[in-house]
Every structure is written in structure tokens, then in C-alpha cells.
Amino acid sequence: MAYDYTVGARKHRFDVRGPVPPVCHIRNFHPQDDHYGLSPMQAAAQALDVHNSASRWSKALLDNAARPSGAIIYKGAEGQGTLSADQYDRLTAETESYHQGARNAGRPMLLEGGLDWKPMGFSPADMEFQKTKDSAAREIALTFGVPPMLLGIPGDATYANYQEANRAFYRQTVLPMAARVVAGLADWLTRLAGAPELRMFPDLDQVPALASERESQWRRVAAADFLTEAEKRRLLGLPARPAPEDAAAPAGTPDLEGGGRDA
């Protein structure tokens, strides 16, 4: 019935019950909702959470000198294995102040009173986190229709080269999206203005990634001897050449040879 546009504490309502709605809502297909579209970010939400969690885990490792954590083992003189409250607080404070963070990387640790340091290696889960990030980034890219090669993810050899991936990105993602958006916009503008049918389409000649395709098309059309010049221009989307009488200079144009031309 209406759209509410809210900015801060201000709200403006657009009534869409008339014959021509004042809002052009272009949305993706949503299998469970007829009013709201399904954003690609919603489809990739779980992969995005995995990628963020892996990034936080990697940053935590860097904050701890980029080395695996270890264990401080306490063995008292009389065999007891428990520190007093003061000893525990002092050990925790010294560890955080002198041995945590990238600035303290490689700093030797001084242990006393039966304390022993036992380093621990990376667990298999730690070693797989980078692969987990790459896998999550690949899923996010595919959700948005972006070839993973364009993101620099290693191991993606689906396309022969980067140029082919860039061309596929335009052909399979950008141009279909642009065509859908301009088609919806043209239909809405046609109804809004009450004018004849308006047609809008993207100008493919302005896409640098498709330059090689245009060059190949021009070369094939130019080599087709069985086509007339008018047919070639029509295939290439060029306007027809003006007729000879239309191309003549209009009346009153000065003669280049100095004689002049009658009005």
C-alpha cells in the first residue's frame, strides 16, 4: 500500500495505491516473499559469518605474537600444583604486559619458583583457517556472480586467464543485471509519463572488457563479402548512411570555389 522512507527521526510515506506508483522498486526474486526481494548478502550470510570469524581468529593469533599458545606448568617445591592468588595475579599481569602482542614478539620469558613453559603447536583447525577463509570468500563471490579469480583467491583456475574471467563477469553478471534494471526503469518511466513505450538498454560499446569481442565482430562483418554496406551497418548497430540528395549542401551554403550558391 505504501513505502516508508526514514532518515533519522524524519519519515516520508509514498502512497503506491494509484495507477502509477511513485516508487520504482526493482527487486530480486524471493521464493518466500512477494513484496521484498532477496538480497545476495542474505544468501551469503552464513559464508560471511565464517569469513569474519576466521579473520578474527587470525587477528587473535597476530595479537599473540603470531605464534601458537602454550602452557605454563607450575611444580612447587613440595609437589603442590596450585599457585596462590597473589602469585596467579602477578603471573597474569606480567604475561599480559611483557609477552603479549606483536611488539613483544620473541621476548624471552623469565620463569621462577618451579614454573615451566610448554609450547603447543598449531592444531589442525588453526592450520585450516586460511583455507576456510578462502572457501568462504569464494562462496560470497559466487553469490554475487563475481568470478573468484578477480578477487585474487589462489587455486581458482576455472578461467584460462584474468581477461576471460573479467569478460565472463560482465557477460554473466553485470550486463544481465543492467538489462533488468533499465528494463524495469523504462517500464516505470513509460507509465509515469504516459508517453509511448520507452526502451532503454546498456551501451555495450562503452564496456572496455568487451573490446575484444567488438573487434572480432567488426572483423567478421567487414570480411563478409556477401553483405551490402547497409546490411553491415545494420548488423553493427550503426545508423544508415544518408541518401545522396540529403548529403548535398543546403541552399545558401557558400561555394568553396568562390562562386557562391543560390538561395
C-alpha atoms as a PDB file:
ATOM      1  CA  MET A   1       0.000   0.000   0.000  1.00  0.00           C
ATOM      2  CA  ALA A   2       2.848   2.422   0.766  1.00  0.00           C
ATOM      3  CA  TYR A   3       6.579   2.816   1.231  1.00  0.00           C
ATOM      4  CA  ASP A   4       8.037   4.477   4.338  1.00  0.00           C
ATOM      5  CA  TYR A   5      11.350   6.242   3.757  1.00  0.00           C
ATOM      6  CA  THR A   6      13.030   7.003   7.095  1.00  0.00           C
ATOM      7  CA  VAL A   7      16.130   9.127   7.678  1.00  0.00           C
ATOM      8  CA  GLY A   8      16.909   9.731  11.328  1.00  0.00           C
ATOM      9  CA  ALA A   9      13.745  10.932  13.017  1.00  0.00           C
ATOM     10  CA  ARG A  10      12.063  12.026   9.764  1.00  0.00           C
ATOM     11  CA  LYS A  11       9.738   9.725   7.862  1.00  0.00           C
ATOM     12  CA  HIS A  12       8.130  10.204   4.472  1.00  0.00           C
ATOM     13  CA  ARG A  13       5.392   7.941   3.161  1.00  0.00           C
ATOM     14  CA  PHE A  14       4.910   7.195  -0.556  1.00  0.00           C
ATOM     15  CA  ASP A  15       1.400   6.029  -1.391  1.00  0.00           C
ATOM     16  CA  VAL A  16       1.542   3.399  -4.153  1.00  0.00           C
ATOM     17  CA  ARG A  17      -2.194   2.646  -4.448  1.00  0.00           C
ATOM     18  CA  GLY A  18      -2.601   4.802  -7.536  1.00  0.00           C
ATOM     19  CA  PRO A  19      -2.363   3.610 -11.146  1.00  0.00           C
ATOM     20  CA  VAL A  20       1.292   4.700 -11.352  1.00  0.00           C
ATOM     21  CA  PRO A  21       3.352   4.143  -8.185  1.00  0.00           C
ATOM     22  CA  PRO A  22       5.778   6.958  -7.302  1.00  0.00           C
ATOM     23  CA  VAL A  23       8.412   4.368  -6.340  1.00  0.00           C
ATOM     24  CA  CYS A  24      10.184   2.103  -8.816  1.00  0.00           C
ATOM     25  CA  HIS A  25      11.036  -0.969  -6.744  1.00  0.00           C
ATOM     26  CA  ILE A  26      13.409  -3.253  -8.632  1.00  0.00           C
ATOM     27  CA  ARG A  27      13.991  -6.362  -6.548  1.00  0.00           C
ATOM     28  CA  ASN A  28      15.494  -9.799  -6.887  1.00  0.00           C
ATOM     29  CA  PHE A  29      13.336 -12.895  -6.848  1.00  0.00           C
ATOM     30  CA  HIS A  30      12.405 -14.062  -3.365  1.00  0.00           C
ATOM     31  CA  PRO A  31      10.858 -17.557  -3.217  1.00  0.00           C
ATOM     32  CA  GLN A  32       9.062 -16.866   0.087  1.00  0.00           C
ATOM     33  CA  ASP A  33       8.045 -13.211  -0.185  1.00  0.00           C
ATOM     34  CA  ASP A  34       6.136 -11.314  -2.861  1.00  0.00           C
ATOM     35  CA  HIS A  35       6.909  -7.825  -1.525  1.00  0.00           C
ATOM     36  CA  TYR A  36      10.618  -7.854  -0.698  1.00  0.00           C
ATOM     37  CA  GLY A  37      13.482  -9.071  -2.830  1.00  0.00           C
ATOM     38  CA  LEU A  38      16.148 -11.493  -1.688  1.00  0.00           C
ATOM     39  CA  SER A  39      19.499  -9.745  -1.388  1.00  0.00           C
ATOM     40  CA  PRO A  40      22.616 -11.726  -2.360  1.00  0.00           C
ATOM     41  CA  MET A  41      24.020 -10.742   1.035  1.00  0.00           C
ATOM     42  CA  GLN A  42      21.194 -12.681   2.696  1.00  0.00           C
ATOM     43  CA  ALA A  43      22.065 -15.767   0.684  1.00  0.00           C
ATOM     44  CA  ALA A  44      25.748 -15.394   1.597  1.00  0.00           C
ATOM     45  CA  ALA A  45      25.144 -14.517   5.262  1.00  0.00           C
ATOM     46  CA  GLN A  46      26.481 -17.787   6.638  1.00  0.00           C
ATOM     47  CA  ALA A  47      29.609 -17.680   4.474  1.00  0.00           C
ATOM     48  CA  LEU A  48      30.124 -14.058   5.560  1.00  0.00           C
ATOM     49  CA  ASP A  49      29.950 -15.070   9.228  1.00  0.00           C
ATOM     50  CA  VAL A  50      32.504 -17.826   8.622  1.00  0.00           C
ATOM     51  CA  HIS A  51      34.843 -15.379   6.857  1.00  0.00           C
ATOM     52  CA  ASN A  52      34.553 -12.808   9.668  1.00  0.00           C
ATOM     53  CA  SER A  53      35.147 -15.452  12.336  1.00  0.00           C
ATOM     54  CA  ALA A  54      38.239 -16.697  10.521  1.00  0.00           C
ATOM     55  CA  SER A  55      39.539 -13.122  10.248  1.00  0.00           C
ATOM     56  CA  ARG A  56      39.018 -12.528  13.962  1.00  0.00           C
ATOM     57  CA  TRP A  57      40.831 -15.785  14.754  1.00  0.00           C
ATOM     58  CA  SER A  58      43.773 -14.838  12.528  1.00  0.00           C
ATOM     59  CA  LYS A  59      43.973 -11.402  14.162  1.00  0.00           C
ATOM     60  CA  ALA A  60      43.957 -13.020  17.591  1.00  0.00           C
ATOM     61  CA  LEU A  61      46.956 -15.125  16.586  1.00  0.00           C
ATOM     62  CA  LEU A  62      48.774 -11.990  15.389  1.00  0.00           C
ATOM     63  CA  ASP A  63      47.939 -10.176  18.611  1.00  0.00           C
ATOM     64  CA  ASN A  64      49.638 -13.028  20.469  1.00  0.00           C
ATOM     65  CA  ALA A  65      52.932 -12.650  18.574  1.00  0.00           C
ATOM     66  CA  ALA A  66      51.694 -14.777  15.697  1.00  0.00           C
ATOM     67  CA  ARG A  67      52.819 -17.954  17.457  1.00  0.00           C
ATOM     68  CA  PRO A  68      50.845 -20.832  18.981  1.00  0.00           C
ATOM     69  CA  SER A  69      49.824 -20.547  22.580  1.00  0.00           C
ATOM     70  CA  GLY A  70      51.500 -22.616  25.252  1.00  0.00           C
ATOM     71  CA  ALA A  71      51.050 -23.668  28.847  1.00  0.00           C
ATOM     72  CA  ILE A  72      52.858 -22.525  31.992  1.00  0.00           C
ATOM     73  CA  ILE A  73      53.239 -25.547  34.252  1.00  0.00           C
ATOM     74  CA  TYR A  74      53.760 -24.992  37.970  1.00  0.00           C
ATOM     75  CA  LYS A  75      55.528 -27.539  40.103  1.00  0.00           C
ATOM     76  CA  GLY A  76      56.064 -26.393  43.675  1.00  0.00           C
ATOM     77  CA  ALA A  77      58.951 -27.420  45.858  1.00  0.00           C
ATOM     78  CA  GLU A  78      56.685 -29.641  47.923  1.00  0.00           C
ATOM     79  CA  GLY A  79      54.834 -31.067  44.924  1.00  0.00           C
ATOM     80  CA  GLN A  80      51.826 -28.783  45.058  1.00  0.00           C
ATOM     81  CA  GLY A  81      50.462 -27.671  41.685  1.00  0.00           C
ATOM     82  CA  THR A  82      48.396 -24.642  42.678  1.00  0.00           C
ATOM     83  CA  LEU A  83      49.512 -21.018  42.797  1.00  0.00           C
ATOM     84  CA  SER A  84      48.365 -18.646  45.454  1.00  0.00           C
ATOM     85  CA  ALA A  85      46.050 -15.828  44.484  1.00  0.00           C
ATOM     86  CA  ASP A  86      48.847 -13.230  44.617  1.00  0.00           C
ATOM     87  CA  GLN A  87      51.187 -15.413  42.566  1.00  0.00           C
ATOM     88  CA  TYR A  88      48.478 -16.040  39.964  1.00  0.00           C
ATOM     89  CA  ASP A  89      47.639 -12.342  39.622  1.00  0.00           C
ATOM     90  CA  ARG A  90      51.322 -11.407  39.309  1.00  0.00           C
ATOM     91  CA  LEU A  91      51.945 -14.068  36.666  1.00  0.00           C
ATOM     92  CA  THR A  92      48.896 -12.992  34.661  1.00  0.00           C
ATOM     93  CA  ALA A  93      49.837  -9.312  34.809  1.00  0.00           C
ATOM     94  CA  GLU A  94      53.449  -9.942  33.743  1.00  0.00           C
ATOM     95  CA  THR A  95      52.346 -12.190  30.868  1.00  0.00           C
ATOM     96  CA  GLU A  96      49.928  -9.589  29.520  1.00  0.00           C
ATOM     97  CA  SER A  97      52.407  -6.717  29.926  1.00  0.00           C
ATOM     98  CA  TYR A  98      55.645  -8.267  28.653  1.00  0.00           C
ATOM     99  CA  HIS A  99      54.764 -11.256  26.485  1.00  0.00           C
ATOM    100  CA  GLN A 100      51.541 -10.466  24.630  1.00  0.00           C
ATOM    101  CA  GLY A 101      51.146  -8.542  21.385  1.00  0.00           C
ATOM    102  CA  ALA A 102      53.201  -8.129  18.241  1.00  0.00           C
ATOM    103  CA  ARG A 103      55.503  -5.579  19.942  1.00  0.00           C
ATOM    104  CA  ASN A 104      56.733  -8.256  22.375  1.00  0.00           C
ATOM    105  CA  ALA A 105      57.309 -10.941  19.751  1.00  0.00           C
ATOM    106  CA  GLY A 106      60.342 -13.074  20.569  1.00  0.00           C
ATOM    107  CA  ARG A 107      60.870 -11.570  24.023  1.00  0.00           C
ATOM    108  CA  PRO A 108      62.385 -14.160  26.397  1.00  0.00           C
ATOM    109  CA  MET A 109      60.338 -15.254  29.381  1.00  0.00           C
ATOM    110  CA  LEU A 110      61.847 -15.405  32.845  1.00  0.00           C
ATOM    111  CA  LEU A 111      60.264 -18.158  34.927  1.00  0.00           C
ATOM    112  CA  GLU A 112      60.863 -18.752  38.618  1.00  0.00           C
ATOM    113  CA  GLY A 113      59.508 -20.712  41.520  1.00  0.00           C
ATOM    114  CA  GLY A 114      59.066 -24.027  39.678  1.00  0.00           C
ATOM    115  CA  LEU A 115      57.334 -22.575  36.614  1.00  0.00           C
ATOM    116  CA  ASP A 116      57.941 -24.261  33.279  1.00  0.00           C
ATOM    117  CA  TRP A 117      56.842 -23.218  29.766  1.00  0.00           C
ATOM    118  CA  LYS A 118      55.493 -25.869  27.436  1.00  0.00           C
ATOM    119  CA  PRO A 119      54.857 -24.597  23.897  1.00  0.00           C
ATOM    120  CA  MET A 120      51.991 -26.008  21.882  1.00  0.00           C
ATOM    121  CA  GLY A 121      51.900 -26.331  18.117  1.00  0.00           C
ATOM    122  CA  PHE A 122      49.110 -25.251  15.802  1.00  0.00           C
ATOM    123  CA  SER A 123      46.129 -27.521  15.897  1.00  0.00           C
ATOM    124  CA  PRO A 124      44.750 -28.840  12.592  1.00  0.00           C
ATOM    125  CA  ALA A 125      41.854 -26.399  12.973  1.00  0.00           C
ATOM    126  CA  ASP A 126      44.307 -23.464  13.206  1.00  0.00           C
ATOM    127  CA  MET A 127      46.158 -24.606  10.116  1.00  0.00           C
ATOM    128  CA  GLU A 128      42.914 -24.847   8.119  1.00  0.00           C
ATOM    129  CA  PHE A 129      41.654 -21.365   8.928  1.00  0.00           C
ATOM    130  CA  GLN A 130      43.233 -19.729   5.889  1.00  0.00           C
ATOM    131  CA  LYS A 131      41.656 -22.334   3.651  1.00  0.00           C
ATOM    132  CA  THR A 132      38.380 -21.751   5.448  1.00  0.00           C
ATOM    133  CA  LYS A 133      38.620 -18.007   4.698  1.00  0.00           C
ATOM    134  CA  ASP A 134      39.346 -18.670   1.020  1.00  0.00           C
ATOM    135  CA  SER A 135      36.414 -21.078   0.797  1.00  0.00           C
ATOM    136  CA  ALA A 136      34.056 -18.584   2.451  1.00  0.00           C
ATOM    137  CA  ALA A 137      35.289 -15.750   0.195  1.00  0.00           C
ATOM    138  CA  ARG A 138      34.732 -17.987  -2.834  1.00  0.00           C
ATOM    139  CA  GLU A 139      31.133 -18.660  -1.769  1.00  0.00           C
ATOM    140  CA  ILE A 140      30.463 -14.949  -1.206  1.00  0.00           C
ATOM    141  CA  ALA A 141      31.909 -14.078  -4.618  1.00  0.00           C
ATOM    142  CA  LEU A 142      29.843 -16.733  -6.376  1.00  0.00           C
ATOM    143  CA  THR A 143      26.705 -15.487  -4.603  1.00  0.00           C
ATOM    144  CA  PHE A 144      27.234 -12.061  -6.141  1.00  0.00           C
ATOM    145  CA  GLY A 145      28.192 -13.572  -9.521  1.00  0.00           C
ATOM    146  CA  VAL A 146      31.844 -12.488  -9.312  1.00  0.00           C
ATOM    147  CA  PRO A 147      34.485 -14.951 -10.591  1.00  0.00           C
ATOM    148  CA  PRO A 148      36.746 -15.791  -7.630  1.00  0.00           C
ATOM    149  CA  MET A 149      39.808 -15.196  -9.812  1.00  0.00           C
ATOM    150  CA  LEU A 150      39.007 -11.465  -9.814  1.00  0.00           C
ATOM    151  CA  LEU A 151      39.397 -11.470  -6.019  1.00  0.00           C
ATOM    152  CA  GLY A 152      42.869 -12.992  -6.187  1.00  0.00           C
ATOM    153  CA  ILE A 153      41.894 -16.188  -4.367  1.00  0.00           C
ATOM    154  CA  PRO A 154      44.641 -18.776  -5.001  1.00  0.00           C
ATOM    155  CA  GLY A 155      43.760 -22.082  -6.568  1.00  0.00           C
ATOM    156  CA  ASP A 156      40.930 -20.829  -8.796  1.00  0.00           C
ATOM    157  CA  ALA A 157      41.916 -21.880 -12.319  1.00  0.00           C
ATOM    158  CA  THR A 158      38.390 -22.056 -13.718  1.00  0.00           C
ATOM    159  CA  TYR A 159      39.147 -19.476 -16.409  1.00  0.00           C
ATOM    160  CA  ALA A 160      42.073 -19.546 -18.789  1.00  0.00           C
ATOM    161  CA  ASN A 161      43.220 -16.103 -17.728  1.00  0.00           C
ATOM    162  CA  TYR A 162      42.157 -12.970 -15.923  1.00  0.00           C
ATOM    163  CA  GLN A 163      40.884 -11.308 -19.091  1.00  0.00           C
ATOM    164  CA  GLU A 164      38.490 -14.180 -19.775  1.00  0.00           C
ATOM    165  CA  ALA A 165      37.239 -14.036 -16.173  1.00  0.00           C
ATOM    166  CA  ASN A 166      36.637 -10.291 -16.462  1.00  0.00           C
ATOM    167  CA  ARG A 167      34.712 -10.754 -19.711  1.00  0.00           C
ATOM    168  CA  ALA A 168      32.609 -13.546 -18.162  1.00  0.00           C
ATOM    169  CA  PHE A 169      31.871 -11.293 -15.186  1.00  0.00           C
ATOM    170  CA  TYR A 170      30.376  -8.660 -17.486  1.00  0.00           C
ATOM    171  CA  ARG A 171      28.526 -11.139 -19.687  1.00  0.00           C
ATOM    172  CA  GLN A 172      27.034 -13.282 -16.905  1.00  0.00           C
ATOM    173  CA  THR A 173      26.540 -10.783 -14.091  1.00  0.00           C
ATOM    174  CA  VAL A 174      26.877  -7.082 -14.906  1.00  0.00           C
ATOM    175  CA  LEU A 175      25.041  -6.929 -18.238  1.00  0.00           C
ATOM    176  CA  PRO A 176      22.064  -9.124 -17.196  1.00  0.00           C
ATOM    177  CA  MET A 177      21.678  -7.014 -14.055  1.00  0.00           C
ATOM    178  CA  ALA A 178      21.931  -3.772 -16.031  1.00  0.00           C
ATOM    179  CA  ALA A 179      19.415  -5.032 -18.598  1.00  0.00           C
ATOM    180  CA  ARG A 180      16.936  -5.974 -15.867  1.00  0.00           C
ATOM    181  CA  VAL A 181      17.320  -2.638 -14.076  1.00  0.00           C
ATOM    182  CA  VAL A 182      16.947  -0.458 -17.174  1.00  0.00           C
ATOM    183  CA  ALA A 183      14.000  -2.549 -18.397  1.00  0.00           C
ATOM    184  CA  GLY A 184      12.178  -2.033 -15.094  1.00  0.00           C
ATOM    185  CA  LEU A 185      13.079   1.653 -15.092  1.00  0.00           C
ATOM    186  CA  ALA A 186      11.891   2.116 -18.678  1.00  0.00           C
ATOM    187  CA  ASP A 187       8.549   0.471 -17.915  1.00  0.00           C
ATOM    188  CA  TRP A 188       8.074   2.662 -14.827  1.00  0.00           C
ATOM    189  CA  LEU A 189       9.008   5.869 -16.679  1.00  0.00           C
ATOM    190  CA  THR A 190       6.665   4.967 -19.531  1.00  0.00           C
ATOM    191  CA  ARG A 191       3.706   4.635 -17.151  1.00  0.00           C
ATOM    192  CA  LEU A 192       4.746   7.698 -15.146  1.00  0.00           C
ATOM    193  CA  ALA A 193       4.965   9.995 -18.171  1.00  0.00           C
ATOM    194  CA  GLY A 194       2.059   8.452 -20.059  1.00  0.00           C
ATOM    195  CA  ALA A 195       4.249   8.502 -23.164  1.00  0.00           C
ATOM    196  CA  PRO A 196       4.772   5.858 -25.839  1.00  0.00           C
ATOM    197  CA  GLU A 197       6.796   2.832 -24.880  1.00  0.00           C
ATOM    198  CA  LEU A 198      10.269   3.799 -23.767  1.00  0.00           C
ATOM    199  CA  ARG A 199      13.175   1.484 -24.474  1.00  0.00           C
ATOM    200  CA  MET A 200      16.453   1.585 -22.576  1.00  0.00           C
ATOM    201  CA  PHE A 201      19.463  -0.656 -22.959  1.00  0.00           C
ATOM    202  CA  PRO A 202      23.139  -0.549 -21.936  1.00  0.00           C
ATOM    203  CA  ASP A 203      25.681   0.698 -24.450  1.00  0.00           C
ATOM    204  CA  LEU A 204      27.991  -2.287 -24.912  1.00  0.00           C
ATOM    205  CA  ASP A 205      30.475  -0.198 -26.889  1.00  0.00           C
ATOM    206  CA  GLN A 206      31.387   1.617 -23.673  1.00  0.00           C
ATOM    207  CA  VAL A 207      32.416  -1.579 -21.833  1.00  0.00           C
ATOM    208  CA  PRO A 208      36.225  -1.955 -22.045  1.00  0.00           C
ATOM    209  CA  ALA A 209      36.102  -5.637 -21.081  1.00  0.00           C
ATOM    210  CA  LEU A 210      34.150  -6.432 -24.272  1.00  0.00           C
ATOM    211  CA  ALA A 211      36.537  -4.612 -26.623  1.00  0.00           C
ATOM    212  CA  SER A 212      37.994  -7.865 -27.951  1.00  0.00           C
ATOM    213  CA  GLU A 213      34.513  -9.184 -28.777  1.00  0.00           C
ATOM    214  CA  ARG A 214      33.638  -5.982 -30.640  1.00  0.00           C
ATOM    215  CA  GLU A 215      36.889  -6.156 -32.575  1.00  0.00           C
ATOM    216  CA  SER A 216      36.188  -9.751 -33.575  1.00  0.00           C
ATOM    217  CA  GLN A 217      32.625  -8.873 -34.642  1.00  0.00           C
ATOM    218  CA  TRP A 218      33.750  -5.913 -36.740  1.00  0.00           C
ATOM    219  CA  ARG A 219      36.385  -8.057 -38.420  1.00  0.00           C
ATOM    220  CA  ARG A 220      33.891 -10.823 -39.292  1.00  0.00           C
ATOM    221  CA  VAL A 221      31.289  -8.384 -40.616  1.00  0.00           C
ATOM    222  CA  ALA A 222      33.856  -6.455 -42.657  1.00  0.00           C
ATOM    223  CA  ALA A 223      35.092  -9.691 -44.251  1.00  0.00           C
ATOM    224  CA  ALA A 224      31.568 -10.811 -45.260  1.00  0.00           C
ATOM    225  CA  ASP A 225      31.572 -10.025 -48.994  1.00  0.00           C
ATOM    226  CA  PHE A 226      28.006 -11.311 -49.457  1.00  0.00           C
ATOM    227  CA  LEU A 227      26.605  -8.450 -47.316  1.00  0.00           C
ATOM    228  CA  THR A 228      25.893  -4.978 -48.595  1.00  0.00           C
ATOM    229  CA  GLU A 229      27.200  -1.900 -46.831  1.00  0.00           C
ATOM    230  CA  ALA A 230      23.749  -1.135 -45.458  1.00  0.00           C
ATOM    231  CA  GLU A 231      23.415  -4.663 -44.054  1.00  0.00           C
ATOM    232  CA  LYS A 232      26.829  -4.444 -42.435  1.00  0.00           C
ATOM    233  CA  ARG A 233      25.964  -1.145 -40.772  1.00  0.00           C
ATOM    234  CA  ARG A 234      22.673  -2.583 -39.536  1.00  0.00           C
ATOM    235  CA  LEU A 235      24.430  -5.627 -38.025  1.00  0.00           C
ATOM    236  CA  LEU A 236      26.903  -3.377 -36.234  1.00  0.00           C
ATOM    237  CA  GLY A 237      24.140  -1.166 -34.858  1.00  0.00           C
ATOM    238  CA  LEU A 238      25.176   1.867 -36.901  1.00  0.00           C
ATOM    239  CA  PRO A 239      22.673   4.275 -38.478  1.00  0.00           C
ATOM    240  CA  ALA A 240      22.087   4.111 -42.217  1.00  0.00           C
ATOM    241  CA  ARG A 241      24.065   6.433 -44.447  1.00  0.00           C
ATOM    242  CA  PRO A 242      22.103   9.484 -45.586  1.00  0.00           C
ATOM    243  CA  ALA A 243      20.817   9.486 -49.149  1.00  0.00           C
ATOM    244  CA  PRO A 244      22.942  11.392 -51.722  1.00  0.00           C
ATOM    245  CA  GLU A 245      20.383  14.177 -52.034  1.00  0.00           C
ATOM    246  CA  ASP A 246      20.273  14.519 -48.243  1.00  0.00           C
ATOM    247  CA  ALA A 247      24.048  14.704 -48.103  1.00  0.00           C
ATOM    248  CA  ALA A 248      24.164  17.661 -50.561  1.00  0.00           C
ATOM    249  CA  ALA A 249      24.922  21.058 -49.104  1.00  0.00           C
ATOM    250  CA  PRO A 250      21.767  23.036 -48.218  1.00  0.00           C
ATOM    251  CA  ALA A 251      20.728  26.084 -50.127  1.00  0.00           C
ATOM    252  CA  GLY A 252      22.572  29.260 -49.237  1.00  0.00           C
ATOM    253  CA  THR A 253      25.810  27.468 -48.368  1.00  0.00           C
ATOM    254  CA  PRO A 254      28.855  29.340 -49.753  1.00  0.00           C
ATOM    255  CA  ASP A 255      30.613  27.651 -52.662  1.00  0.00           C
ATOM    256  CA  LEU A 256      34.126  26.534 -51.736  1.00  0.00           C
ATOM    257  CA  GLU A 257      35.315  27.539 -55.198  1.00  0.00           C
ATOM    258  CA  GLY A 258      34.183  31.120 -54.631  1.00  0.00           C
ATOM    259  CA  GLY A 259      31.155  31.173 -56.949  1.00  0.00           C
ATOM    260  CA  GLY A 260      28.510  31.128 -54.262  1.00  0.00           C
ATOM    261  CA  ARG A 261      25.221  29.178 -54.268  1.00  0.00           C
ATOM    262  CA  ASP A 262      21.730  30.433 -54.948  1.00  0.00           C
ATOM    263  CA  ALA A 263      19.241  30.589 -52.112  1.00  0.00           C
END
